[in-house]
């Protein structure tokens, strides 16, 4: 095989690896959105008074291994005003137009 062919094939393989990695992380983040919303619904955290602590909301220095996308998804849901955060860092699902907001997010349907 010539050098040009090897270089071309190497670039194609690199681009495929990048595309697959981006798809994988996108899938994991969409799944994390659904998990956060499901956790809050299961805990019936629908108002600031019923807000709950989420174990993955804080920083864990001992966490090693595979990246946990739930914290990133939680922060994004707070920014999109799907999830509310109290002053003492507890979280609740905001029901006003939540279905419309959740439908706009790239969340997997169960």
C-alpha atoms as a PDB file:
ATOM      1  CA  UNK A   1       0.000   0.000   0.000  1.00  0.00           C
ATOM      2  CA  UNK A   2       1.302   3.446  -0.819  1.00  0.00           C
ATOM      3  CA  UNK A   3       1.870   6.106   1.802  1.00  0.00           C
ATOM      4  CA  UNK A   4      -0.970   8.240   0.475  1.00  0.00           C
ATOM      5  CA  UNK A   5      -3.426   5.347   0.689  1.00  0.00           C
ATOM      6  CA  UNK A   6      -2.370   4.540   4.248  1.00  0.00           C
ATOM      7  CA  UNK A   7      -2.718   8.186   5.251  1.00  0.00           C
ATOM      8  CA  UNK A   8      -6.155   8.420   3.628  1.00  0.00           C
ATOM      9  CA  UNK A   9      -7.393   5.233   5.323  1.00  0.00           C
ATOM     10  CA  UNK A  10      -5.974   6.401   8.657  1.00  0.00           C
ATOM     11  CA  UNK A  11      -7.873   9.696   8.361  1.00  0.00           C
ATOM     12  CA  UNK A  12     -11.100   7.874   7.471  1.00  0.00           C
ATOM     13  CA  UNK A  13     -10.731   5.567  10.497  1.00  0.00           C
ATOM     14  CA  UNK A  14      -9.999   8.569  12.751  1.00  0.00           C
ATOM     15  CA  UNK A  15     -13.111  10.403  11.509  1.00  0.00           C
ATOM     16  CA  UNK A  16     -15.237   7.294  12.069  1.00  0.00           C
ATOM     17  CA  UNK A  17     -13.931   6.915  15.627  1.00  0.00           C
ATOM     18  CA  UNK A  18     -14.713  10.578  16.362  1.00  0.00           C
ATOM     19  CA  UNK A  19     -18.239  10.258  14.920  1.00  0.00           C
ATOM     20  CA  UNK A  20     -18.994   7.076  16.879  1.00  0.00           C
ATOM     21  CA  UNK A  21     -17.663   8.618  20.104  1.00  0.00           C
ATOM     22  CA  UNK A  22     -19.834  11.714  19.666  1.00  0.00           C
ATOM     23  CA  UNK A  23     -22.907   9.554  19.027  1.00  0.00           C
ATOM     24  CA  UNK A  24     -22.164   7.440  22.105  1.00  0.00           C
ATOM     25  CA  UNK A  25     -21.809  10.426  24.432  1.00  0.00           C
ATOM     26  CA  UNK A  26     -24.939  12.022  22.961  1.00  0.00           C
ATOM     27  CA  UNK A  27     -26.844   8.820  23.690  1.00  0.00           C
ATOM     28  CA  UNK A  28     -25.494   8.735  27.260  1.00  0.00           C
ATOM     29  CA  UNK A  29     -26.503  12.365  27.901  1.00  0.00           C
ATOM     30  CA  UNK A  30     -30.021  11.794  26.516  1.00  0.00           C
ATOM     31  CA  UNK A  31     -30.318   8.750  28.760  1.00  0.00           C
ATOM     32  CA  UNK A  32     -29.112  10.819  31.736  1.00  0.00           C
ATOM     33  CA  UNK A  33     -31.841  13.422  31.091  1.00  0.00           C
ATOM     34  CA  UNK A  34     -34.468  10.709  31.335  1.00  0.00           C
ATOM     35  CA  UNK A  35     -32.881   9.206  34.476  1.00  0.00           C
ATOM     36  CA  UNK A  36     -32.840  12.573  36.280  1.00  0.00           C
ATOM     37  CA  UNK A  37     -36.474  13.291  35.417  1.00  0.00           C
ATOM     38  CA  UNK A  38     -37.489   9.742  36.412  1.00  0.00           C
ATOM     39  CA  UNK A  39     -35.625  10.028  39.741  1.00  0.00           C
ATOM     40  CA  UNK A  40     -37.449  13.255  40.576  1.00  0.00           C
ATOM     41  CA  UNK A  41     -40.827  11.819  39.555  1.00  0.00           C
ATOM     42  CA  UNK A  42     -40.219   8.671  41.620  1.00  0.00           C
ATOM     43  CA  UNK A  43     -39.343  10.799  44.657  1.00  0.00           C
ATOM     44  CA  UNK A  44     -42.432  12.945  43.988  1.00  0.00           C
ATOM     45  CA  UNK A  45     -40.257  16.054  44.118  1.00  0.00           C
ATOM     46  CA  UNK A  46     -42.703  18.364  42.367  1.00  0.00           C
ATOM     47  CA  UNK A  47     -42.505  21.509  44.497  1.00  0.00           C
ATOM     48  CA  UNK A  48     -39.721  23.354  46.343  1.00  0.00           C
ATOM     49  CA  UNK A  49     -41.149  21.987  49.607  1.00  0.00           C
ATOM     50  CA  UNK A  50     -40.840  18.384  48.417  1.00  0.00           C
ATOM     51  CA  UNK A  51     -37.420  18.861  46.816  1.00  0.00           C
ATOM     52  CA  UNK A  52     -34.888  16.079  47.333  1.00  0.00           C
ATOM     53  CA  UNK A  53     -31.126  15.694  47.461  1.00  0.00           C
ATOM     54  CA  UNK A  54     -29.727  13.872  44.467  1.00  0.00           C
ATOM     55  CA  UNK A  55     -26.594  11.855  45.224  1.00  0.00           C
ATOM     56  CA  UNK A  56     -25.016  12.638  41.856  1.00  0.00           C
ATOM     57  CA  UNK A  57     -25.594  16.400  42.120  1.00  0.00           C
ATOM     58  CA  UNK A  58     -22.571  17.015  44.307  1.00  0.00           C
ATOM     59  CA  UNK A  59     -18.914  16.538  43.646  1.00  0.00           C
ATOM     60  CA  UNK A  60     -17.447  13.152  44.500  1.00  0.00           C
ATOM     61  CA  UNK A  61     -13.669  13.012  44.605  1.00  0.00           C
ATOM     62  CA  UNK A  62     -13.643   9.239  44.990  1.00  0.00           C
ATOM     63  CA  UNK A  63     -15.645   8.649  41.809  1.00  0.00           C
ATOM     64  CA  UNK A  64     -13.415   6.889  39.332  1.00  0.00           C
ATOM     65  CA  UNK A  65     -14.158   4.972  36.203  1.00  0.00           C
ATOM     66  CA  UNK A  66     -16.765   5.674  33.559  1.00  0.00           C
ATOM     67  CA  UNK A  67     -18.001   9.260  33.280  1.00  0.00           C
ATOM     68  CA  UNK A  68     -21.340   9.943  34.961  1.00  0.00           C
ATOM     69  CA  UNK A  69     -23.437  12.151  32.666  1.00  0.00           C
ATOM     70  CA  UNK A  70     -26.243  12.687  35.195  1.00  0.00           C
ATOM     71  CA  UNK A  71     -24.611  15.743  36.785  1.00  0.00           C
ATOM     72  CA  UNK A  72     -24.156  17.387  33.389  1.00  0.00           C
ATOM     73  CA  UNK A  73     -27.755  16.553  32.466  1.00  0.00           C
ATOM     74  CA  UNK A  74     -29.010  17.884  35.807  1.00  0.00           C
ATOM     75  CA  UNK A  75     -27.206  21.189  35.301  1.00  0.00           C
ATOM     76  CA  UNK A  76     -28.644  21.489  31.796  1.00  0.00           C
ATOM     77  CA  UNK A  77     -32.156  20.721  33.043  1.00  0.00           C
ATOM     78  CA  UNK A  78     -31.772  23.438  35.695  1.00  0.00           C
ATOM     79  CA  UNK A  79     -30.666  25.927  33.020  1.00  0.00           C
ATOM     80  CA  UNK A  80     -33.638  24.968  30.831  1.00  0.00           C
ATOM     81  CA  UNK A  81     -35.952  25.414  33.865  1.00  0.00           C
ATOM     82  CA  UNK A  82     -37.236  21.864  33.698  1.00  0.00           C
ATOM     83  CA  UNK A  83     -35.755  21.174  37.126  1.00  0.00           C
ATOM     84  CA  UNK A  84     -35.651  23.694  39.950  1.00  0.00           C
ATOM     85  CA  UNK A  85     -32.956  24.034  42.597  1.00  0.00           C
ATOM     86  CA  UNK A  86     -33.625  25.313  46.104  1.00  0.00           C
ATOM     87  CA  UNK A  87     -31.228  27.502  48.090  1.00  0.00           C
ATOM     88  CA  UNK A  88     -29.979  24.451  49.982  1.00  0.00           C
ATOM     89  CA  UNK A  89     -29.177  22.585  46.721  1.00  0.00           C
ATOM     90  CA  UNK A  90     -32.158  20.250  46.659  1.00  0.00           C
ATOM     91  CA  UNK A  91     -33.907  19.579  43.353  1.00  0.00           C
ATOM     92  CA  UNK A  92     -37.507  19.313  42.187  1.00  0.00           C
ATOM     93  CA  UNK A  93     -39.343  18.906  38.911  1.00  0.00           C
ATOM     94  CA  UNK A  94     -41.048  22.094  37.772  1.00  0.00           C
ATOM     95  CA  UNK A  95     -44.490  21.110  36.508  1.00  0.00           C
ATOM     96  CA  UNK A  96     -45.458  24.285  34.651  1.00  0.00           C
ATOM     97  CA  UNK A  97     -45.077  23.368  31.001  1.00  0.00           C
ATOM     98  CA  UNK A  98     -42.624  20.643  31.948  1.00  0.00           C
ATOM     99  CA  UNK A  99     -43.943  18.345  29.271  1.00  0.00           C
ATOM    100  CA  UNK A 100     -43.315  20.971  26.588  1.00  0.00           C
ATOM    101  CA  UNK A 101     -39.820  21.658  27.882  1.00  0.00           C
ATOM    102  CA  UNK A 102     -38.947  17.990  28.210  1.00  0.00           C
ATOM    103  CA  UNK A 103     -40.199  17.317  24.696  1.00  0.00           C
ATOM    104  CA  UNK A 104     -37.808  19.960  23.376  1.00  0.00           C
ATOM    105  CA  UNK A 105     -34.854  18.271  25.023  1.00  0.00           C
ATOM    106  CA  UNK A 106     -33.133  15.344  23.337  1.00  0.00           C
ATOM    107  CA  UNK A 107     -34.520  12.772  25.779  1.00  0.00           C
ATOM    108  CA  UNK A 108     -35.046   9.154  24.831  1.00  0.00           C
ATOM    109  CA  UNK A 109     -38.625   8.012  25.055  1.00  0.00           C
ATOM    110  CA  UNK A 110     -39.130   5.015  27.328  1.00  0.00           C
END
